[in-house]
């Protein structure tokens, strides 16, 4: 049995169309129930849902959670769900219900645990503004940095996904805001996750819930997950090692130039490579000690390549922002931050994979 959980808040204008579209795919889904959990709507969402559940002959349970955020409404729905498979989706028609049969079919065919309707895989289509895309991309980047289990998921921030309920058997979910998927990815026990493309539609009726408050809560939730998983400690170790590399770099540059009499560019090349070597050794022995696999020289070579790309990122940001009128020291700071993130992610994805 499938349980479709629909968190709602003031979605009365979208419910009829949503229930109509779900009714058209009933035969493809099989046995299913809809659990609509409302967050104290003021537009008669619950009344409208009850009326149209009868019109379209759908098995619908309706609850008023009284909660103000989406993720806690989903928790209420999970407690009421009877299905062994759960689908979570928004009620504003930005998530097409016609995708559900394909997602269930993929779940069973691939023997997967979670199927994610991803906005950022090949074949997906996005229809919202550049600012929202930017915020989503930054959120995904930070999720990859601090939530290791999300590392290979391109869209851990989507609100449309299907999963087997058994993966939550021993999970203690404590979500905040509207990013329930990242909570499940971080705390559930699962083996196989597959992302499928879909077309993310523009909202036509009702008011979007995307705002500064919800965005702030999402990032706050992400940091809370990072703290519980202690991933931030590893990132701090990585940054500490990077700081020691600066000391090695500057120190050798000074010693070789002032005391050994080498031309400063030659001293600089030696100093840079020496700092890369010292960073690699410390990261290999300390930061990524548990991830050490394979040949030592192979890891060292990969780390060198990653650092070369990081230097290119740093220089490119410095050049680009300075040419736009930003002070060169501030430009360089942005470059260092982005280069550090790149080096850390490449270390996770590639060097100590």
C-alpha atoms as a PDB file:
ATOM      1  CA  UNK A   1       0.000   0.000   0.000  1.00  0.00           C
ATOM      2  CA  UNK A   2       1.115   3.555  -0.777  1.00  0.00           C
ATOM      3  CA  UNK A   3       0.591   6.471   1.599  1.00  0.00           C
ATOM      4  CA  UNK A   4       0.703   9.905  -0.052  1.00  0.00           C
ATOM      5  CA  UNK A   5       1.428  12.580   2.558  1.00  0.00           C
ATOM      6  CA  UNK A   6       0.354  16.095   1.616  1.00  0.00           C
ATOM      7  CA  UNK A   7       1.387  18.869   4.031  1.00  0.00           C
ATOM      8  CA  UNK A   8      -0.789  21.931   3.426  1.00  0.00           C
ATOM      9  CA  UNK A   9      -1.151  25.535   4.506  1.00  0.00           C
ATOM     10  CA  UNK A  10      -3.705  27.697   2.719  1.00  0.00           C
ATOM     11  CA  UNK A  11      -3.877  25.508  -0.396  1.00  0.00           C
ATOM     12  CA  UNK A  12      -7.672  25.470  -0.882  1.00  0.00           C
ATOM     13  CA  UNK A  13      -7.333  26.803  -4.430  1.00  0.00           C
ATOM     14  CA  UNK A  14      -5.052  23.903  -5.452  1.00  0.00           C
ATOM     15  CA  UNK A  15      -6.721  20.913  -3.761  1.00  0.00           C
ATOM     16  CA  UNK A  16      -9.431  20.286  -6.355  1.00  0.00           C
ATOM     17  CA  UNK A  17      -6.977  20.195  -9.261  1.00  0.00           C
ATOM     18  CA  UNK A  18      -4.528  18.055  -7.268  1.00  0.00           C
ATOM     19  CA  UNK A  19      -7.179  15.485  -6.273  1.00  0.00           C
ATOM     20  CA  UNK A  20      -8.488  15.440  -9.842  1.00  0.00           C
ATOM     21  CA  UNK A  21      -5.021  14.638 -11.213  1.00  0.00           C
ATOM     22  CA  UNK A  22      -4.396  11.969  -8.575  1.00  0.00           C
ATOM     23  CA  UNK A  23      -7.752  10.359  -9.403  1.00  0.00           C
ATOM     24  CA  UNK A  24      -6.644   9.990 -13.046  1.00  0.00           C
ATOM     25  CA  UNK A  25      -3.661   7.834 -12.054  1.00  0.00           C
ATOM     26  CA  UNK A  26      -5.463   5.613  -9.514  1.00  0.00           C
ATOM     27  CA  UNK A  27      -5.175   2.489 -11.645  1.00  0.00           C
ATOM     28  CA  UNK A  28      -1.435   3.003 -12.117  1.00  0.00           C
ATOM     29  CA  UNK A  29      -0.804   3.426  -8.393  1.00  0.00           C
ATOM     30  CA  UNK A  30      -2.876   0.554  -7.046  1.00  0.00           C
ATOM     31  CA  UNK A  31      -3.917   0.529  -3.397  1.00  0.00           C
ATOM     32  CA  UNK A  32      -3.192   3.916  -1.818  1.00  0.00           C
ATOM     33  CA  UNK A  33      -4.334   6.449   0.739  1.00  0.00           C
ATOM     34  CA  UNK A  34      -3.907  10.218   0.960  1.00  0.00           C
ATOM     35  CA  UNK A  35      -2.991  11.780   4.288  1.00  0.00           C
ATOM     36  CA  UNK A  36      -3.489  15.512   4.225  1.00  0.00           C
ATOM     37  CA  UNK A  37      -1.929  17.269   7.213  1.00  0.00           C
ATOM     38  CA  UNK A  38      -2.839  20.925   7.469  1.00  0.00           C
ATOM     39  CA  UNK A  39      -0.897  23.633   9.298  1.00  0.00           C
ATOM     40  CA  UNK A  40      -3.825  25.633  10.647  1.00  0.00           C
ATOM     41  CA  UNK A  41      -4.969  27.063   7.298  1.00  0.00           C
ATOM     42  CA  UNK A  42      -7.276  30.085   7.218  1.00  0.00           C
ATOM     43  CA  UNK A  43      -8.817  29.398   3.798  1.00  0.00           C
ATOM     44  CA  UNK A  44     -10.910  26.273   4.518  1.00  0.00           C
ATOM     45  CA  UNK A  45      -8.294  23.907   3.078  1.00  0.00           C
ATOM     46  CA  UNK A  46      -9.545  21.053   5.278  1.00  0.00           C
ATOM     47  CA  UNK A  47     -13.206  21.546   4.300  1.00  0.00           C
ATOM     48  CA  UNK A  48     -12.317  21.746   0.600  1.00  0.00           C
ATOM     49  CA  UNK A  49     -10.192  18.595   0.863  1.00  0.00           C
ATOM     50  CA  UNK A  50     -13.001  16.624   2.499  1.00  0.00           C
ATOM     51  CA  UNK A  51     -15.504  17.733  -0.146  1.00  0.00           C
ATOM     52  CA  UNK A  52     -13.340  16.856  -3.145  1.00  0.00           C
ATOM     53  CA  UNK A  53     -12.168  13.565  -1.658  1.00  0.00           C
ATOM     54  CA  UNK A  54     -15.817  12.477  -1.976  1.00  0.00           C
ATOM     55  CA  UNK A  55     -16.187  13.983  -5.456  1.00  0.00           C
ATOM     56  CA  UNK A  56     -13.175  12.057  -6.791  1.00  0.00           C
ATOM     57  CA  UNK A  57     -13.760   8.983  -4.604  1.00  0.00           C
ATOM     58  CA  UNK A  58     -10.352   9.083  -2.939  1.00  0.00           C
ATOM     59  CA  UNK A  59      -9.396   7.533   0.375  1.00  0.00           C
ATOM     60  CA  UNK A  60      -8.328  10.648   2.279  1.00  0.00           C
ATOM     61  CA  UNK A  61      -7.501  11.206   5.941  1.00  0.00           C
ATOM     62  CA  UNK A  62      -7.423  14.860   6.974  1.00  0.00           C
ATOM     63  CA  UNK A  63      -5.667  16.211  10.074  1.00  0.00           C
ATOM     64  CA  UNK A  64      -4.916  19.647  11.470  1.00  0.00           C
ATOM     65  CA  UNK A  65      -1.440  19.441  12.961  1.00  0.00           C
ATOM     66  CA  UNK A  66      -1.455  22.965  14.319  1.00  0.00           C
ATOM     67  CA  UNK A  67       2.253  23.055  13.403  1.00  0.00           C
ATOM     68  CA  UNK A  68       3.693  26.006  11.561  1.00  0.00           C
ATOM     69  CA  UNK A  69       6.297  24.203   9.456  1.00  0.00           C
ATOM     70  CA  UNK A  70       5.999  21.577   6.750  1.00  0.00           C
ATOM     71  CA  UNK A  71       8.399  18.981   8.147  1.00  0.00           C
ATOM     72  CA  UNK A  72       6.548  18.556  11.439  1.00  0.00           C
ATOM     73  CA  UNK A  73       3.280  18.163   9.553  1.00  0.00           C
ATOM     74  CA  UNK A  74       4.973  15.366   7.611  1.00  0.00           C
ATOM     75  CA  UNK A  75       5.873  13.683  10.918  1.00  0.00           C
ATOM     76  CA  UNK A  76       2.201  13.704  11.883  1.00  0.00           C
ATOM     77  CA  UNK A  77       1.401  12.107   8.520  1.00  0.00           C
ATOM     78  CA  UNK A  78       4.067   9.433   8.974  1.00  0.00           C
ATOM     79  CA  UNK A  79       2.527   8.389  12.292  1.00  0.00           C
ATOM     80  CA  UNK A  80      -0.853   7.954  10.588  1.00  0.00           C
ATOM     81  CA  UNK A  81       0.446   6.275   7.411  1.00  0.00           C
ATOM     82  CA  UNK A  82      -0.550   2.652   6.894  1.00  0.00           C
ATOM     83  CA  UNK A  83       1.392   2.056   3.696  1.00  0.00           C
ATOM     84  CA  UNK A  84       4.750   0.298   3.456  1.00  0.00           C
ATOM     85  CA  UNK A  85       5.696   2.858   0.789  1.00  0.00           C
ATOM     86  CA  UNK A  86       5.398   6.594   1.433  1.00  0.00           C
ATOM     87  CA  UNK A  87       5.270   9.469  -1.024  1.00  0.00           C
ATOM     88  CA  UNK A  88       5.848  13.007   0.223  1.00  0.00           C
ATOM     89  CA  UNK A  89       4.983  15.894  -2.047  1.00  0.00           C
ATOM     90  CA  UNK A  90       3.787  19.495  -1.954  1.00  0.00           C
ATOM     91  CA  UNK A  91       0.148  20.369  -2.533  1.00  0.00           C
ATOM     92  CA  UNK A  92       0.727  23.435  -4.702  1.00  0.00           C
ATOM     93  CA  UNK A  93       0.958  21.518  -8.019  1.00  0.00           C
ATOM     94  CA  UNK A  94       4.650  22.291  -8.452  1.00  0.00           C
ATOM     95  CA  UNK A  95       5.209  18.565  -7.963  1.00  0.00           C
ATOM     96  CA  UNK A  96       3.358  16.665 -10.711  1.00  0.00           C
ATOM     97  CA  UNK A  97       1.441  13.680  -9.244  1.00  0.00           C
ATOM     98  CA  UNK A  98       1.761  11.977 -12.638  1.00  0.00           C
ATOM     99  CA  UNK A  99       5.369  11.204 -11.595  1.00  0.00           C
ATOM    100  CA  UNK A 100       4.261   8.935  -8.734  1.00  0.00           C
ATOM    101  CA  UNK A 101       3.686   5.727 -10.791  1.00  0.00           C
ATOM    102  CA  UNK A 102       7.149   6.048 -12.385  1.00  0.00           C
ATOM    103  CA  UNK A 103       8.772   6.622  -9.005  1.00  0.00           C
ATOM    104  CA  UNK A 104       7.083   3.568  -7.465  1.00  0.00           C
ATOM    105  CA  UNK A 105       7.970   1.457 -10.493  1.00  0.00           C
ATOM    106  CA  UNK A 106      11.616   2.546 -10.238  1.00  0.00           C
ATOM    107  CA  UNK A 107      11.627   1.860  -6.480  1.00  0.00           C
ATOM    108  CA  UNK A 108      10.495  -1.731  -7.025  1.00  0.00           C
ATOM    109  CA  UNK A 109      12.398  -2.462 -10.228  1.00  0.00           C
ATOM    110  CA  UNK A 110      15.722  -1.237  -8.831  1.00  0.00           C
ATOM    111  CA  UNK A 111      15.054  -2.601  -5.331  1.00  0.00           C
ATOM    112  CA  UNK A 112      15.835   0.895  -4.047  1.00  0.00           C
ATOM    113  CA  UNK A 113      15.014   2.442  -0.686  1.00  0.00           C
ATOM    114  CA  UNK A 114      14.443   6.049  -1.756  1.00  0.00           C
ATOM    115  CA  UNK A 115      13.467   7.580  -5.102  1.00  0.00           C
ATOM    116  CA  UNK A 116      14.046  11.324  -5.309  1.00  0.00           C
ATOM    117  CA  UNK A 117      12.376  13.577  -7.861  1.00  0.00           C
ATOM    118  CA  UNK A 118      15.420  15.762  -8.415  1.00  0.00           C
ATOM    119  CA  UNK A 119      15.524  19.293  -9.790  1.00  0.00           C
ATOM    120  CA  UNK A 120      19.231  19.095 -10.586  1.00  0.00           C
ATOM    121  CA  UNK A 121      19.795  15.912 -12.600  1.00  0.00           C
ATOM    122  CA  UNK A 122      19.920  15.697 -16.381  1.00  0.00           C
ATOM    123  CA  UNK A 123      16.462  15.958 -17.893  1.00  0.00           C
ATOM    124  CA  UNK A 124      14.944  18.099 -15.130  1.00  0.00           C
ATOM    125  CA  UNK A 125      13.306  21.450 -15.841  1.00  0.00           C
ATOM    126  CA  UNK A 126      13.159  24.392 -13.436  1.00  0.00           C
ATOM    127  CA  UNK A 127      10.719  27.240 -13.632  1.00  0.00           C
ATOM    128  CA  UNK A 128      11.642  29.593 -10.842  1.00  0.00           C
ATOM    129  CA  UNK A 129      13.887  32.627 -10.499  1.00  0.00           C
ATOM    130  CA  UNK A 130      17.687  32.789 -10.291  1.00  0.00           C
ATOM    131  CA  UNK A 131      17.651  33.839  -6.613  1.00  0.00           C
ATOM    132  CA  UNK A 132      15.787  30.701  -5.535  1.00  0.00           C
ATOM    133  CA  UNK A 133      18.059  28.532  -7.676  1.00  0.00           C
ATOM    134  CA  UNK A 134      21.093  30.197  -6.053  1.00  0.00           C
ATOM    135  CA  UNK A 135      19.760  29.597  -2.510  1.00  0.00           C
ATOM    136  CA  UNK A 136      18.964  25.963  -3.339  1.00  0.00           C
ATOM    137  CA  UNK A 137      22.431  25.393  -4.805  1.00  0.00           C
ATOM    138  CA  UNK A 138      24.140  26.911  -1.758  1.00  0.00           C
ATOM    139  CA  UNK A 139      21.988  24.772   0.524  1.00  0.00           C
ATOM    140  CA  UNK A 140      22.896  21.634  -1.437  1.00  0.00           C
ATOM    141  CA  UNK A 141      26.593  22.538  -1.316  1.00  0.00           C
ATOM    142  CA  UNK A 142      26.484  22.965   2.471  1.00  0.00           C
ATOM    143  CA  UNK A 143      24.528  19.722   2.799  1.00  0.00           C
ATOM    144  CA  UNK A 144      27.301  17.933   0.910  1.00  0.00           C
ATOM    145  CA  UNK A 145      29.890  19.580   3.152  1.00  0.00           C
ATOM    146  CA  UNK A 146      28.310  18.715   6.480  1.00  0.00           C
ATOM    147  CA  UNK A 147      25.965  15.745   5.914  1.00  0.00           C
ATOM    148  CA  UNK A 148      28.133  12.899   4.539  1.00  0.00           C
ATOM    149  CA  UNK A 149      25.162  10.686   3.638  1.00  0.00           C
ATOM    150  CA  UNK A 150      23.925  13.360   1.216  1.00  0.00           C
ATOM    151  CA  UNK A 151      27.266  13.579  -0.574  1.00  0.00           C
ATOM    152  CA  UNK A 152      26.227  11.840  -3.797  1.00  0.00           C
ATOM    153  CA  UNK A 153      22.682  13.244  -3.867  1.00  0.00           C
ATOM    154  CA  UNK A 154      22.397  16.144  -6.297  1.00  0.00           C
ATOM    155  CA  UNK A 155      19.167  17.482  -4.795  1.00  0.00           C
ATOM    156  CA  UNK A 156      18.910  16.743  -1.049  1.00  0.00           C
ATOM    157  CA  UNK A 157      16.588  19.752  -0.729  1.00  0.00           C
ATOM    158  CA  UNK A 158      13.693  18.546  -2.899  1.00  0.00           C
ATOM    159  CA  UNK A 159      10.290  18.069  -1.312  1.00  0.00           C
ATOM    160  CA  UNK A 160       9.110  15.322  -3.681  1.00  0.00           C
ATOM    161  CA  UNK A 161      10.242  11.750  -3.016  1.00  0.00           C
ATOM    162  CA  UNK A 162       9.122   8.158  -2.408  1.00  0.00           C
ATOM    163  CA  UNK A 163      10.634   5.759   0.136  1.00  0.00           C
ATOM    164  CA  UNK A 164      10.090   2.514   2.007  1.00  0.00           C
ATOM    165  CA  UNK A 165       8.698   3.253   5.442  1.00  0.00           C
ATOM    166  CA  UNK A 166      10.856   0.571   7.067  1.00  0.00           C
ATOM    167  CA  UNK A 167      13.978   2.741   6.667  1.00  0.00           C
ATOM    168  CA  UNK A 168      12.617   4.959   9.458  1.00  0.00           C
ATOM    169  CA  UNK A 169      12.172   2.091  11.915  1.00  0.00           C
ATOM    170  CA  UNK A 170      15.032   3.169  14.206  1.00  0.00           C
ATOM    171  CA  UNK A 171      15.331   6.783  13.104  1.00  0.00           C
ATOM    172  CA  UNK A 172      14.649   9.619  15.532  1.00  0.00           C
ATOM    173  CA  UNK A 173      13.455  12.410  13.301  1.00  0.00           C
ATOM    174  CA  UNK A 174      13.694  15.981  14.628  1.00  0.00           C
ATOM    175  CA  UNK A 175      13.122  18.170  11.560  1.00  0.00           C
ATOM    176  CA  UNK A 176      12.906  21.930  11.420  1.00  0.00           C
ATOM    177  CA  UNK A 177      11.461  24.009   8.610  1.00  0.00           C
ATOM    178  CA  UNK A 178      10.530  22.447   5.290  1.00  0.00           C
ATOM    179  CA  UNK A 179      13.561  20.294   4.347  1.00  0.00           C
ATOM    180  CA  UNK A 180      12.328  16.900   5.541  1.00  0.00           C
ATOM    181  CA  UNK A 181      14.322  14.909   2.948  1.00  0.00           C
ATOM    182  CA  UNK A 182      17.702  15.929   4.376  1.00  0.00           C
ATOM    183  CA  UNK A 183      16.509  14.845   7.837  1.00  0.00           C
ATOM    184  CA  UNK A 184      15.616  11.409   6.453  1.00  0.00           C
ATOM    185  CA  UNK A 185      18.863  11.114   4.491  1.00  0.00           C
ATOM    186  CA  UNK A 186      20.856  11.960   7.627  1.00  0.00           C
ATOM    187  CA  UNK A 187      19.052   9.740  10.148  1.00  0.00           C
ATOM    188  CA  UNK A 188      17.389   6.832   8.300  1.00  0.00           C
ATOM    189  CA  UNK A 189      18.954   3.466   7.531  1.00  0.00           C
ATOM    190  CA  UNK A 190      18.996   2.704   3.804  1.00  0.00           C
ATOM    191  CA  UNK A 191      21.204   1.340   1.040  1.00  0.00           C
ATOM    192  CA  UNK A 192      20.107   2.535  -2.372  1.00  0.00           C
ATOM    193  CA  UNK A 193      18.952   6.002  -3.439  1.00  0.00           C
ATOM    194  CA  UNK A 194      18.016   6.910  -7.018  1.00  0.00           C
ATOM    195  CA  UNK A 195      17.295  10.362  -8.424  1.00  0.00           C
ATOM    196  CA  UNK A 196      14.912  10.815 -11.341  1.00  0.00           C
ATOM    197  CA  UNK A 197      14.350  14.038 -13.311  1.00  0.00           C
ATOM    198  CA  UNK A 198      11.097  15.953 -13.264  1.00  0.00           C
ATOM    199  CA  UNK A 199       9.674  19.290 -14.336  1.00  0.00           C
ATOM    200  CA  UNK A 200       9.311  21.654 -11.393  1.00  0.00           C
ATOM    201  CA  UNK A 201       6.323  23.846 -12.232  1.00  0.00           C
ATOM    202  CA  UNK A 202       5.580  27.423 -11.308  1.00  0.00           C
ATOM    203  CA  UNK A 203       2.909  27.973  -8.673  1.00  0.00           C
ATOM    204  CA  UNK A 204      -0.292  29.231 -10.302  1.00  0.00           C
ATOM    205  CA  UNK A 205      -2.608  29.543  -7.302  1.00  0.00           C
ATOM    206  CA  UNK A 206      -1.999  30.526  -3.694  1.00  0.00           C
ATOM    207  CA  UNK A 207       1.040  32.098  -2.086  1.00  0.00           C
ATOM    208  CA  UNK A 208       4.534  30.612  -2.086  1.00  0.00           C
ATOM    209  CA  UNK A 209       5.945  29.527   1.301  1.00  0.00           C
ATOM    210  CA  UNK A 210       9.488  30.324   0.163  1.00  0.00           C
ATOM    211  CA  UNK A 211      10.634  33.295   2.259  1.00  0.00           C
ATOM    212  CA  UNK A 212      13.511  34.481   4.414  1.00  0.00           C
ATOM    213  CA  UNK A 213      12.164  32.860   7.588  1.00  0.00           C
ATOM    214  CA  UNK A 214      11.801  29.443   5.995  1.00  0.00           C
ATOM    215  CA  UNK A 215      15.221  29.763   4.360  1.00  0.00           C
ATOM    216  CA  UNK A 216      16.797  30.673   7.710  1.00  0.00           C
ATOM    217  CA  UNK A 217      15.117  27.677   9.378  1.00  0.00           C
ATOM    218  CA  UNK A 218      16.387  25.384   6.625  1.00  0.00           C
ATOM    219  CA  UNK A 219      20.001  26.454   7.144  1.00  0.00           C
ATOM    220  CA  UNK A 220      19.576  26.279  10.919  1.00  0.00           C
ATOM    221  CA  UNK A 221      18.273  22.739  10.539  1.00  0.00           C
ATOM    222  CA  UNK A 222      21.234  21.837   8.345  1.00  0.00           C
ATOM    223  CA  UNK A 223      23.696  23.048  10.975  1.00  0.00           C
ATOM    224  CA  UNK A 224      21.843  21.099  13.656  1.00  0.00           C
ATOM    225  CA  UNK A 225      22.148  17.938  11.593  1.00  0.00           C
ATOM    226  CA  UNK A 226      25.839  18.629  11.050  1.00  0.00           C
ATOM    227  CA  UNK A 227      26.351  19.014  14.788  1.00  0.00           C
ATOM    228  CA  UNK A 228      24.563  15.760  15.588  1.00  0.00           C
ATOM    229  CA  UNK A 229      26.667  13.931  12.993  1.00  0.00           C
ATOM    230  CA  UNK A 230      29.877  15.668  14.146  1.00  0.00           C
ATOM    231  CA  UNK A 231      30.838  16.333  10.530  1.00  0.00           C
ATOM    232  CA  UNK A 232      31.639  19.940  11.383  1.00  0.00           C
ATOM    233  CA  UNK A 233      34.554  18.684  13.499  1.00  0.00           C
ATOM    234  CA  UNK A 234      36.121  17.081  10.443  1.00  0.00           C
ATOM    235  CA  UNK A 235      35.676  20.282   8.468  1.00  0.00           C
ATOM    236  CA  UNK A 236      37.319  22.249  11.296  1.00  0.00           C
ATOM    237  CA  UNK A 237      40.210  19.767  11.267  1.00  0.00           C
ATOM    238  CA  UNK A 238      40.547  20.298   7.529  1.00  0.00           C
ATOM    239  CA  UNK A 239      40.599  24.087   8.004  1.00  0.00           C
ATOM    240  CA  UNK A 240      43.182  23.773  10.816  1.00  0.00           C
ATOM    241  CA  UNK A 241      45.412  21.733   8.513  1.00  0.00           C
ATOM    242  CA  UNK A 242      44.939  24.364   5.814  1.00  0.00           C
ATOM    243  CA  UNK A 243      46.018  27.064   8.256  1.00  0.00           C
ATOM    244  CA  UNK A 244      49.188  25.104   9.059  1.00  0.00           C
ATOM    245  CA  UNK A 245      49.857  24.941   5.319  1.00  0.00           C
ATOM    246  CA  UNK A 246      49.844  28.737   5.167  1.00  0.00           C
ATOM    247  CA  UNK A 247      52.551  28.798   7.858  1.00  0.00           C
ATOM    248  CA  UNK A 248      54.624  26.246   5.925  1.00  0.00           C
ATOM    249  CA  UNK A 249      54.150  28.167   2.675  1.00  0.00           C
ATOM    250  CA  UNK A 250      55.039  31.598   4.043  1.00  0.00           C
ATOM    251  CA  UNK A 251      57.860  30.271   6.199  1.00  0.00           C
ATOM    252  CA  UNK A 252      59.596  28.392   3.406  1.00  0.00           C
ATOM    253  CA  UNK A 253      59.135  31.267   0.971  1.00  0.00           C
ATOM    254  CA  UNK A 254      60.916  33.576   3.431  1.00  0.00           C
ATOM    255  CA  UNK A 255      63.682  31.118   4.355  1.00  0.00           C
ATOM    256  CA  UNK A 256      64.518  30.061   0.794  1.00  0.00           C
ATOM    257  CA  UNK A 257      64.457  33.612  -0.526  1.00  0.00           C
ATOM    258  CA  UNK A 258      66.213  35.424   2.309  1.00  0.00           C
ATOM    259  CA  UNK A 259      68.684  32.785   3.493  1.00  0.00           C
ATOM    260  CA  UNK A 260      69.141  30.326   0.608  1.00  0.00           C
ATOM    261  CA  UNK A 261      69.316  33.152  -1.949  1.00  0.00           C
ATOM    262  CA  UNK A 262      66.795  31.614  -4.368  1.00  0.00           C
ATOM    263  CA  UNK A 263      64.768  33.716  -6.769  1.00  0.00           C
ATOM    264  CA  UNK A 264      61.415  34.362  -5.071  1.00  0.00           C
ATOM    265  CA  UNK A 265      59.354  32.613  -7.794  1.00  0.00           C
ATOM    266  CA  UNK A 266      61.451  29.451  -7.416  1.00  0.00           C
ATOM    267  CA  UNK A 267      61.119  29.747  -3.629  1.00  0.00           C
ATOM    268  CA  UNK A 268      57.371  30.233  -4.089  1.00  0.00           C
ATOM    269  CA  UNK A 269      56.991  27.089  -6.219  1.00  0.00           C
ATOM    270  CA  UNK A 270      58.888  25.002  -3.658  1.00  0.00           C
ATOM    271  CA  UNK A 271      56.927  26.575  -0.788  1.00  0.00           C
ATOM    272  CA  UNK A 272      53.557  25.908  -2.457  1.00  0.00           C
ATOM    273  CA  UNK A 273      54.346  22.250  -3.159  1.00  0.00           C
ATOM    274  CA  UNK A 274      55.756  21.794   0.351  1.00  0.00           C
ATOM    275  CA  UNK A 275      52.562  23.189   1.883  1.00  0.00           C
ATOM    276  CA  UNK A 276      50.485  20.861  -0.309  1.00  0.00           C
ATOM    277  CA  UNK A 277      52.584  17.893   0.862  1.00  0.00           C
ATOM    278  CA  UNK A 278      52.298  18.886   4.520  1.00  0.00           C
ATOM    279  CA  UNK A 279      48.538  19.388   4.166  1.00  0.00           C
ATOM    280  CA  UNK A 280      48.155  15.997   2.525  1.00  0.00           C
ATOM    281  CA  UNK A 281      50.179  14.172   5.183  1.00  0.00           C
ATOM    282  CA  UNK A 282      48.253  15.771   8.061  1.00  0.00           C
ATOM    283  CA  UNK A 283      44.872  15.175   6.412  1.00  0.00           C
ATOM    284  CA  UNK A 284      45.806  11.577   5.646  1.00  0.00           C
ATOM    285  CA  UNK A 285      46.920  10.934   9.229  1.00  0.00           C
ATOM    286  CA  UNK A 286      44.282  12.993  11.026  1.00  0.00           C
ATOM    287  CA  UNK A 287      41.305  14.448   9.127  1.00  0.00           C
ATOM    288  CA  UNK A 288      40.557  11.460   6.864  1.00  0.00           C
ATOM    289  CA  UNK A 289      42.298   8.757   8.891  1.00  0.00           C
ATOM    290  CA  UNK A 290      39.286   6.396   8.727  1.00  0.00           C
ATOM    291  CA  UNK A 291      38.860   6.906   4.979  1.00  0.00           C
ATOM    292  CA  UNK A 292      42.383   5.893   3.963  1.00  0.00           C
ATOM    293  CA  UNK A 293      42.100   3.263   1.222  1.00  0.00           C
ATOM    294  CA  UNK A 294      44.183   2.246  -1.753  1.00  0.00           C
ATOM    295  CA  UNK A 295      47.621   3.464  -2.722  1.00  0.00           C
ATOM    296  CA  UNK A 296      49.258   6.316  -0.835  1.00  0.00           C
ATOM    297  CA  UNK A 297      50.847   7.879  -3.940  1.00  0.00           C
ATOM    298  CA  UNK A 298      47.542   7.818  -5.783  1.00  0.00           C
ATOM    299  CA  UNK A 299      45.877   9.796  -2.993  1.00  0.00           C
ATOM    300  CA  UNK A 300      48.800  12.226  -2.970  1.00  0.00           C
ATOM    301  CA  UNK A 301      48.582  12.784  -6.731  1.00  0.00           C
ATOM    302  CA  UNK A 302      44.833  13.377  -6.553  1.00  0.00           C
ATOM    303  CA  UNK A 303      45.276  15.835  -3.712  1.00  0.00           C
ATOM    304  CA  UNK A 304      47.829  17.772  -5.768  1.00  0.00           C
ATOM    305  CA  UNK A 305      45.490  17.934  -8.758  1.00  0.00           C
ATOM    306  CA  UNK A 306      42.602  19.109  -6.550  1.00  0.00           C
ATOM    307  CA  UNK A 307      44.777  21.859  -5.065  1.00  0.00           C
ATOM    308  CA  UNK A 308      45.800  23.077  -8.531  1.00  0.00           C
ATOM    309  CA  UNK A 309      42.124  23.463  -9.444  1.00  0.00           C
ATOM    310  CA  UNK A 310      41.470  25.170  -6.091  1.00  0.00           C
ATOM    311  CA  UNK A 311      44.236  27.698  -6.827  1.00  0.00           C
ATOM    312  CA  UNK A 312      42.592  28.346 -10.195  1.00  0.00           C
ATOM    313  CA  UNK A 313      39.239  28.969  -8.468  1.00  0.00           C
ATOM    314  CA  UNK A 314      40.843  31.316  -5.964  1.00  0.00           C
ATOM    315  CA  UNK A 315      42.612  33.313  -8.678  1.00  0.00           C
ATOM    316  CA  UNK A 316      39.517  33.444 -10.920  1.00  0.00           C
ATOM    317  CA  UNK A 317      37.300  34.777  -8.126  1.00  0.00           C
ATOM    318  CA  UNK A 318      39.969  37.303  -7.149  1.00  0.00           C
ATOM    319  CA  UNK A 319      40.209  38.539 -10.735  1.00  0.00           C
ATOM    320  CA  UNK A 320      36.448  38.552 -11.394  1.00  0.00           C
ATOM    321  CA  UNK A 321      35.332  40.341  -8.228  1.00  0.00           C
ATOM    322  CA  UNK A 322      38.185  42.855  -8.294  1.00  0.00           C
ATOM    323  CA  UNK A 323      37.308  43.763 -11.894  1.00  0.00           C
ATOM    324  CA  UNK A 324      33.741  44.465 -10.677  1.00  0.00           C
ATOM    325  CA  UNK A 325      35.031  46.994  -8.161  1.00  0.00           C
ATOM    326  CA  UNK A 326      35.312  44.820  -5.048  1.00  0.00           C
ATOM    327  CA  UNK A 327      38.425  45.472  -2.930  1.00  0.00           C
ATOM    328  CA  UNK A 328      41.102  42.934  -3.808  1.00  0.00           C
ATOM    329  CA  UNK A 329      41.470  41.690  -0.205  1.00  0.00           C
ATOM    330  CA  UNK A 330      37.728  41.004   0.050  1.00  0.00           C
ATOM    331  CA  UNK A 331      37.777  39.386  -3.401  1.00  0.00           C
ATOM    332  CA  UNK A 332      40.633  37.159  -2.313  1.00  0.00           C
ATOM    333  CA  UNK A 333      38.739  36.188   0.861  1.00  0.00           C
ATOM    334  CA  UNK A 334      35.776  35.018  -1.217  1.00  0.00           C
ATOM    335  CA  UNK A 335      38.206  33.108  -3.420  1.00  0.00           C
ATOM    336  CA  UNK A 336      39.778  31.388  -0.420  1.00  0.00           C
ATOM    337  CA  UNK A 337      36.346  30.357   0.929  1.00  0.00           C
ATOM    338  CA  UNK A 338      35.225  28.864  -2.402  1.00  0.00           C
ATOM    339  CA  UNK A 339      38.599  27.194  -2.965  1.00  0.00           C
ATOM    340  CA  UNK A 340      38.462  25.672   0.536  1.00  0.00           C
ATOM    341  CA  UNK A 341      34.975  24.284  -0.083  1.00  0.00           C
ATOM    342  CA  UNK A 342      36.103  22.853  -3.418  1.00  0.00           C
ATOM    343  CA  UNK A 343      39.187  21.234  -1.872  1.00  0.00           C
ATOM    344  CA  UNK A 344      37.155  19.745   0.972  1.00  0.00           C
ATOM    345  CA  UNK A 345      34.471  18.348  -1.323  1.00  0.00           C
ATOM    346  CA  UNK A 346      37.049  16.977  -3.760  1.00  0.00           C
ATOM    347  CA  UNK A 347      38.773  15.343  -0.788  1.00  0.00           C
ATOM    348  CA  UNK A 348      35.506  13.644   0.173  1.00  0.00           C
ATOM    349  CA  UNK A 349      34.411  12.763  -3.356  1.00  0.00           C
ATOM    350  CA  UNK A 350      37.726  11.859  -4.925  1.00  0.00           C
ATOM    351  CA  UNK A 351      40.936  11.859  -2.864  1.00  0.00           C
ATOM    352  CA  UNK A 352      39.665   9.850   0.134  1.00  0.00           C
ATOM    353  CA  UNK A 353      36.559   8.453  -1.564  1.00  0.00           C
END
